[in-house]
Amino acid sequence: MQEFESFRPLYDPTAVQPMREELTRVGVDELRTIEDVDATLASAEGTVLLVVNSVCGCAAGNARPGVMLALQNGLIPDRLTTVFAGQDKEATEKARGYMSEYPPSSPCIAVFQDGKVQTIIERHNIEGRSPQDIAAMLVNSFNNCCERAGPSIPREEFEKIVPAHICGSSIPKFEEDSSSTDSAEAGTI
């Protein structure tokens, strides 16, 4: 039971779904298992964008729209991927292993070229920056190492997307059976 507990989601999966969808709506694939991560990052060919998504309202709330905007560039990575810290814990831990020369950070955005980290934008590089600033950093990286033609989705579709402005502190922690907790607090159990 202890092993299972260490990998269950930290936050209510329903509450974080809009944060996942911000990236998937622009063509980013979720890596939800160790096998997904290895299948993508163990390959040493081409370019891969990896976003370590998180619920952090300030940093992730600007990182996701920054990634979305950057993927409107004329050159983008071959593969567009994400793991979600605090949700898909095993996959996130495995992905961080591919960036082991950098301390764990969430959110975090990495561009891999031929299996090596070409660019990394860690949380401290994200905090206090606008989505446009983050997009500019990514576009610079894309223009230096990517060959795939962008954008990831047509501009008309992109313009319909409204980023989720959700404060991480307002997201409930994940509890499998909140009714028993509510009953215990009310003194009925």
C-alpha atoms as a PDB file:
ATOM      1  CA  MET A   1       0.000   0.000   0.000  1.00  0.00           C
ATOM      2  CA  GLN A   2       2.860   2.395   0.774  1.00  0.00           C
ATOM      3  CA  GLU A   3       4.237   2.036  -2.777  1.00  0.00           C
ATOM      4  CA  PHE A   4       0.810   2.851  -4.289  1.00  0.00           C
ATOM      5  CA  GLU A   5       0.392   5.889  -2.055  1.00  0.00           C
ATOM      6  CA  SER A   6       3.666   7.396  -3.255  1.00  0.00           C
ATOM      7  CA  PHE A   7       2.425   7.493  -6.854  1.00  0.00           C
ATOM      8  CA  ARG A   8      -1.217   8.483  -6.519  1.00  0.00           C
ATOM      9  CA  PRO A   9      -2.138  11.957  -7.768  1.00  0.00           C
ATOM     10  CA  LEU A  10      -1.559  14.831  -5.376  1.00  0.00           C
ATOM     11  CA  TYR A  11      -4.457  16.911  -6.735  1.00  0.00           C
ATOM     12  CA  ASP A  12      -7.966  16.033  -7.856  1.00  0.00           C
ATOM     13  CA  PRO A  13      -7.546  14.866 -11.479  1.00  0.00           C
ATOM     14  CA  THR A  14     -10.807  16.522 -12.523  1.00  0.00           C
ATOM     15  CA  ALA A  15      -9.663  19.877 -11.174  1.00  0.00           C
ATOM     16  CA  VAL A  16      -6.376  19.805 -13.098  1.00  0.00           C
ATOM     17  CA  GLN A  17      -7.889  18.616 -16.389  1.00  0.00           C
ATOM     18  CA  PRO A  18      -8.135  22.175 -17.810  1.00  0.00           C
ATOM     19  CA  MET A  19      -4.389  22.569 -17.177  1.00  0.00           C
ATOM     20  CA  ARG A  20      -3.706  19.396 -19.147  1.00  0.00           C
ATOM     21  CA  GLU A  21      -5.987  20.490 -21.973  1.00  0.00           C
ATOM     22  CA  GLU A  22      -4.193  23.792 -22.469  1.00  0.00           C
ATOM     23  CA  LEU A  23      -1.278  21.802 -23.875  1.00  0.00           C
ATOM     24  CA  THR A  24      -3.093  18.898 -25.512  1.00  0.00           C
ATOM     25  CA  ARG A  25      -5.309  21.299 -27.473  1.00  0.00           C
ATOM     26  CA  VAL A  26      -2.200  22.640 -29.236  1.00  0.00           C
ATOM     27  CA  GLY A  27      -0.927  19.177 -30.188  1.00  0.00           C
ATOM     28  CA  VAL A  28       1.178  18.262 -27.166  1.00  0.00           C
ATOM     29  CA  ASP A  29       1.094  14.540 -26.278  1.00  0.00           C
ATOM     30  CA  GLU A  30       0.850  13.479 -22.651  1.00  0.00           C
ATOM     31  CA  LEU A  31       3.432  10.995 -21.425  1.00  0.00           C
ATOM     32  CA  ARG A  32       1.568   9.330 -18.584  1.00  0.00           C
ATOM     33  CA  THR A  33       3.688   6.228 -17.997  1.00  0.00           C
ATOM     34  CA  ILE A  34       7.349   5.322 -17.672  1.00  0.00           C
ATOM     35  CA  GLU A  35       7.026   3.415 -20.936  1.00  0.00           C
ATOM     36  CA  ASP A  36       5.664   6.518 -22.727  1.00  0.00           C
ATOM     37  CA  VAL A  37       8.617   8.575 -21.480  1.00  0.00           C
ATOM     38  CA  ASP A  38      11.221   5.999 -22.500  1.00  0.00           C
ATOM     39  CA  ALA A  39       9.633   5.489 -25.929  1.00  0.00           C
ATOM     40  CA  THR A  40       9.940   9.234 -26.563  1.00  0.00           C
ATOM     41  CA  LEU A  41      13.124  10.334 -24.816  1.00  0.00           C
ATOM     42  CA  ALA A  42      15.340   7.255 -25.162  1.00  0.00           C
ATOM     43  CA  SER A  43      15.454   7.838 -28.912  1.00  0.00           C
ATOM     44  CA  ALA A  44      18.488   9.917 -29.805  1.00  0.00           C
ATOM     45  CA  GLU A  45      17.124  11.309 -33.058  1.00  0.00           C
ATOM     46  CA  GLY A  46      15.382  14.604 -33.778  1.00  0.00           C
ATOM     47  CA  THR A  47      13.960  17.229 -31.449  1.00  0.00           C
ATOM     48  CA  VAL A  48      11.544  16.830 -28.550  1.00  0.00           C
ATOM     49  CA  LEU A  49       9.770  19.467 -26.488  1.00  0.00           C
ATOM     50  CA  LEU A  50       9.105  18.274 -22.943  1.00  0.00           C
ATOM     51  CA  VAL A  51       6.945  20.374 -20.644  1.00  0.00           C
ATOM     52  CA  VAL A  52       6.894  19.413 -16.968  1.00  0.00           C
ATOM     53  CA  ASN A  53       3.431  20.772 -16.252  1.00  0.00           C
ATOM     54  CA  SER A  54       2.289  21.660 -12.757  1.00  0.00           C
ATOM     55  CA  VAL A  55      -0.528  23.302 -10.830  1.00  0.00           C
ATOM     56  CA  CYS A  56       1.609  26.226  -9.695  1.00  0.00           C
ATOM     57  CA  GLY A  57      -0.660  29.161 -10.506  1.00  0.00           C
ATOM     58  CA  CYS A  58       1.976  31.805 -11.147  1.00  0.00           C
ATOM     59  CA  ALA A  59       4.761  29.978 -12.967  1.00  0.00           C
ATOM     60  CA  ALA A  60       2.744  27.257 -14.721  1.00  0.00           C
ATOM     61  CA  GLY A  61      -0.037  29.730 -15.441  1.00  0.00           C
ATOM     62  CA  ASN A  62       2.439  31.625 -17.630  1.00  0.00           C
ATOM     63  CA  ALA A  63       4.465  28.623 -18.847  1.00  0.00           C
ATOM     64  CA  ARG A  64       1.540  26.840 -20.509  1.00  0.00           C
ATOM     65  CA  PRO A  65       0.368  29.886 -22.522  1.00  0.00           C
ATOM     66  CA  GLY A  66       4.022  30.586 -23.363  1.00  0.00           C
ATOM     67  CA  VAL A  67       4.408  27.082 -24.788  1.00  0.00           C
ATOM     68  CA  MET A  68       1.110  27.432 -26.645  1.00  0.00           C
ATOM     69  CA  LEU A  69       2.251  30.694 -28.214  1.00  0.00           C
ATOM     70  CA  ALA A  70       5.706  29.337 -29.109  1.00  0.00           C
ATOM     71  CA  LEU A  71       4.108  26.433 -30.961  1.00  0.00           C
ATOM     72  CA  GLN A  72       2.689  28.971 -33.416  1.00  0.00           C
ATOM     73  CA  ASN A  73       6.263  29.519 -34.652  1.00  0.00           C
ATOM     74  CA  GLY A  74       7.340  28.565 -38.176  1.00  0.00           C
ATOM     75  CA  LEU A  75       9.737  25.924 -36.769  1.00  0.00           C
ATOM     76  CA  ILE A  76       8.804  23.590 -33.917  1.00  0.00           C
ATOM     77  CA  PRO A  77      10.199  20.357 -32.395  1.00  0.00           C
ATOM     78  CA  ASP A  78       9.503  16.999 -34.023  1.00  0.00           C
ATOM     79  CA  ARG A  79       7.721  15.696 -30.909  1.00  0.00           C
ATOM     80  CA  LEU A  80       5.648  17.791 -28.500  1.00  0.00           C
ATOM     81  CA  THR A  81       5.260  16.148 -25.095  1.00  0.00           C
ATOM     82  CA  THR A  82       4.343  16.783 -21.476  1.00  0.00           C
ATOM     83  CA  VAL A  83       4.351  15.088 -18.084  1.00  0.00           C
ATOM     84  CA  PHE A  84       2.358  16.413 -15.137  1.00  0.00           C
ATOM     85  CA  ALA A  85       4.175  16.787 -11.817  1.00  0.00           C
ATOM     86  CA  GLY A  86       2.037  15.759  -8.871  1.00  0.00           C
ATOM     87  CA  GLN A  87      -0.306  13.806 -11.153  1.00  0.00           C
ATOM     88  CA  ASP A  88       1.668  11.334 -13.243  1.00  0.00           C
ATOM     89  CA  LYS A  89       4.409  10.912 -10.696  1.00  0.00           C
ATOM     90  CA  GLU A  90       6.213   7.882 -12.138  1.00  0.00           C
ATOM     91  CA  ALA A  91       6.306   9.397 -15.631  1.00  0.00           C
ATOM     92  CA  THR A  92       7.515  12.736 -14.240  1.00  0.00           C
ATOM     93  CA  GLU A  93      10.234  11.062 -12.194  1.00  0.00           C
ATOM     94  CA  LYS A  94      11.392   9.126 -15.269  1.00  0.00           C
ATOM     95  CA  ALA A  95      11.370  12.269 -17.461  1.00  0.00           C
ATOM     96  CA  ARG A  96      13.432  14.135 -14.867  1.00  0.00           C
ATOM     97  CA  GLY A  97      15.992  11.339 -15.139  1.00  0.00           C
ATOM     98  CA  TYR A  98      16.627  12.442 -18.719  1.00  0.00           C
ATOM     99  CA  MET A  99      17.426  15.914 -17.361  1.00  0.00           C
ATOM    100  CA  SER A 100      19.450  14.713 -14.380  1.00  0.00           C
ATOM    101  CA  GLU A 101      22.118  17.391 -14.796  1.00  0.00           C
ATOM    102  CA  TYR A 102      19.453  19.909 -13.716  1.00  0.00           C
ATOM    103  CA  PRO A 103      17.637  19.975 -10.366  1.00  0.00           C
ATOM    104  CA  PRO A 104      13.971  18.902 -10.448  1.00  0.00           C
ATOM    105  CA  SER A 105      11.784  21.860 -11.302  1.00  0.00           C
ATOM    106  CA  SER A 106       8.106  22.266 -12.011  1.00  0.00           C
ATOM    107  CA  PRO A 107       7.081  23.783 -14.155  1.00  0.00           C
ATOM    108  CA  CYS A 108      10.013  23.271 -16.471  1.00  0.00           C
ATOM    109  CA  ILE A 109      10.366  23.270 -20.253  1.00  0.00           C
ATOM    110  CA  ALA A 110      13.110  21.388 -22.088  1.00  0.00           C
ATOM    111  CA  VAL A 111      14.017  21.055 -25.734  1.00  0.00           C
ATOM    112  CA  PHE A 112      16.001  17.915 -26.534  1.00  0.00           C
ATOM    113  CA  GLN A 113      18.068  17.569 -29.686  1.00  0.00           C
ATOM    114  CA  ASP A 114      19.344  14.122 -30.594  1.00  0.00           C
ATOM    115  CA  GLY A 115      18.744  12.885 -27.037  1.00  0.00           C
ATOM    116  CA  LYS A 116      20.492  15.742 -25.216  1.00  0.00           C
ATOM    117  CA  VAL A 117      19.020  18.774 -23.485  1.00  0.00           C
ATOM    118  CA  GLN A 118      19.549  21.678 -25.870  1.00  0.00           C
ATOM    119  CA  THR A 119      17.530  24.245 -23.906  1.00  0.00           C
ATOM    120  CA  ILE A 120      16.000  24.164 -20.450  1.00  0.00           C
ATOM    121  CA  ILE A 121      13.769  26.773 -18.905  1.00  0.00           C
ATOM    122  CA  GLU A 122      13.460  26.060 -15.197  1.00  0.00           C
ATOM    123  CA  ARG A 123      10.912  27.431 -12.780  1.00  0.00           C
ATOM    124  CA  HIS A 124      13.217  30.251 -11.664  1.00  0.00           C
ATOM    125  CA  ASN A 125      13.514  31.286 -15.345  1.00  0.00           C
ATOM    126  CA  ILE A 126       9.714  31.238 -15.690  1.00  0.00           C
ATOM    127  CA  GLU A 127       8.658  33.066 -12.528  1.00  0.00           C
ATOM    128  CA  GLY A 128       7.934  36.727 -13.097  1.00  0.00           C
ATOM    129  CA  ARG A 129       7.945  36.371 -16.880  1.00  0.00           C
ATOM    130  CA  SER A 130       4.997  36.798 -19.209  1.00  0.00           C
ATOM    131  CA  PRO A 131       3.817  34.097 -21.621  1.00  0.00           C
ATOM    132  CA  GLN A 132       5.289  36.240 -24.410  1.00  0.00           C
ATOM    133  CA  ASP A 133       8.712  36.256 -22.700  1.00  0.00           C
ATOM    134  CA  ILE A 134       8.605  32.468 -22.279  1.00  0.00           C
ATOM    135  CA  ALA A 135       7.484  32.014 -25.884  1.00  0.00           C
ATOM    136  CA  ALA A 136      10.386  34.190 -27.082  1.00  0.00           C
ATOM    137  CA  MET A 137      12.896  31.979 -25.217  1.00  0.00           C
ATOM    138  CA  LEU A 138      11.373  28.866 -26.768  1.00  0.00           C
ATOM    139  CA  VAL A 139      11.154  30.349 -30.260  1.00  0.00           C
ATOM    140  CA  ASN A 140      14.861  31.168 -30.068  1.00  0.00           C
ATOM    141  CA  SER A 141      15.577  27.528 -29.223  1.00  0.00           C
ATOM    142  CA  PHE A 142      13.213  26.214 -31.910  1.00  0.00           C
ATOM    143  CA  ASN A 143      14.829  28.422 -34.554  1.00  0.00           C
ATOM    144  CA  ASN A 144      18.290  27.126 -33.593  1.00  0.00           C
ATOM    145  CA  CYS A 145      17.626  23.392 -33.572  1.00  0.00           C
ATOM    146  CA  CYS A 146      14.265  22.476 -35.119  1.00  0.00           C
ATOM    147  CA  GLU A 147      13.381  21.643 -38.703  1.00  0.00           C
ATOM    148  CA  ARG A 148       9.694  20.678 -38.488  1.00  0.00           C
ATOM    149  CA  ALA A 149       7.365  23.251 -39.971  1.00  0.00           C
ATOM    150  CA  GLY A 150       4.969  24.904 -37.529  1.00  0.00           C
ATOM    151  CA  PRO A 151       2.578  25.911 -36.257  1.00  0.00           C
ATOM    152  CA  SER A 152       1.355  22.909 -34.264  1.00  0.00           C
ATOM    153  CA  ILE A 153      -2.281  23.878 -34.942  1.00  0.00           C
ATOM    154  CA  PRO A 154      -3.810  26.411 -37.333  1.00  0.00           C
ATOM    155  CA  ARG A 155      -3.863  30.013 -36.097  1.00  0.00           C
ATOM    156  CA  GLU A 156      -7.677  30.107 -36.233  1.00  0.00           C
ATOM    157  CA  GLU A 157      -7.901  27.178 -33.779  1.00  0.00           C
ATOM    158  CA  PHE A 158      -5.213  28.678 -31.545  1.00  0.00           C
ATOM    159  CA  GLU A 159      -7.077  31.964 -31.259  1.00  0.00           C
ATOM    160  CA  LYS A 160     -10.173  30.165 -29.917  1.00  0.00           C
ATOM    161  CA  ILE A 161      -8.290  28.742 -26.929  1.00  0.00           C
ATOM    162  CA  VAL A 162      -8.756  30.553 -23.634  1.00  0.00           C
ATOM    163  CA  PRO A 163      -6.003  29.675 -21.130  1.00  0.00           C
ATOM    164  CA  ALA A 164      -7.146  28.302 -17.771  1.00  0.00           C
ATOM    165  CA  HIS A 165      -6.397  30.899 -15.112  1.00  0.00           C
ATOM    166  CA  ILE A 166      -6.587  28.680 -12.052  1.00  0.00           C
ATOM    167  CA  CYS A 167      -4.678  29.317  -8.850  1.00  0.00           C
ATOM    168  CA  GLY A 168      -2.961  26.144  -7.685  1.00  0.00           C
ATOM    169  CA  SER A 169      -3.793  26.909  -4.057  1.00  0.00           C
ATOM    170  CA  SER A 170      -7.507  26.641  -4.880  1.00  0.00           C
ATOM    171  CA  ILE A 171      -7.255  23.113  -6.295  1.00  0.00           C
ATOM    172  CA  PRO A 172      -8.394  20.437  -3.850  1.00  0.00           C
ATOM    173  CA  LYS A 173      -5.979  17.728  -2.802  1.00  0.00           C
ATOM    174  CA  PHE A 174      -6.908  14.303  -4.156  1.00  0.00           C
ATOM    175  CA  GLU A 175      -8.915  12.117  -1.812  1.00  0.00           C
ATOM    176  CA  GLU A 176     -10.409   8.884  -3.055  1.00  0.00           C
ATOM    177  CA  ASP A 177     -13.364   8.952  -0.677  1.00  0.00           C
ATOM    178  CA  SER A 178     -14.109  12.415   0.639  1.00  0.00           C
ATOM    179  CA  SER A 179     -17.490  11.314   2.053  1.00  0.00           C
ATOM    180  CA  SER A 180     -15.787   9.289   4.815  1.00  0.00           C
ATOM    181  CA  THR A 181     -13.598  12.287   5.642  1.00  0.00           C
ATOM    182  CA  ASP A 182     -16.632  14.582   5.788  1.00  0.00           C
ATOM    183  CA  SER A 183     -18.447  12.113   8.069  1.00  0.00           C
ATOM    184  CA  ALA A 184     -15.423  11.803  10.354  1.00  0.00           C
ATOM    185  CA  GLU A 185     -15.154  15.583  10.635  1.00  0.00           C
ATOM    186  CA  ALA A 186     -18.839  15.805  11.480  1.00  0.00           C
ATOM    187  CA  GLY A 187     -18.346  13.184  14.218  1.00  0.00           C
ATOM    188  CA  THR A 188     -20.691  10.632  12.696  1.00  0.00           C
ATOM    189  CA  ILE A 189     -18.133   7.841  12.302  1.00  0.00           C
END
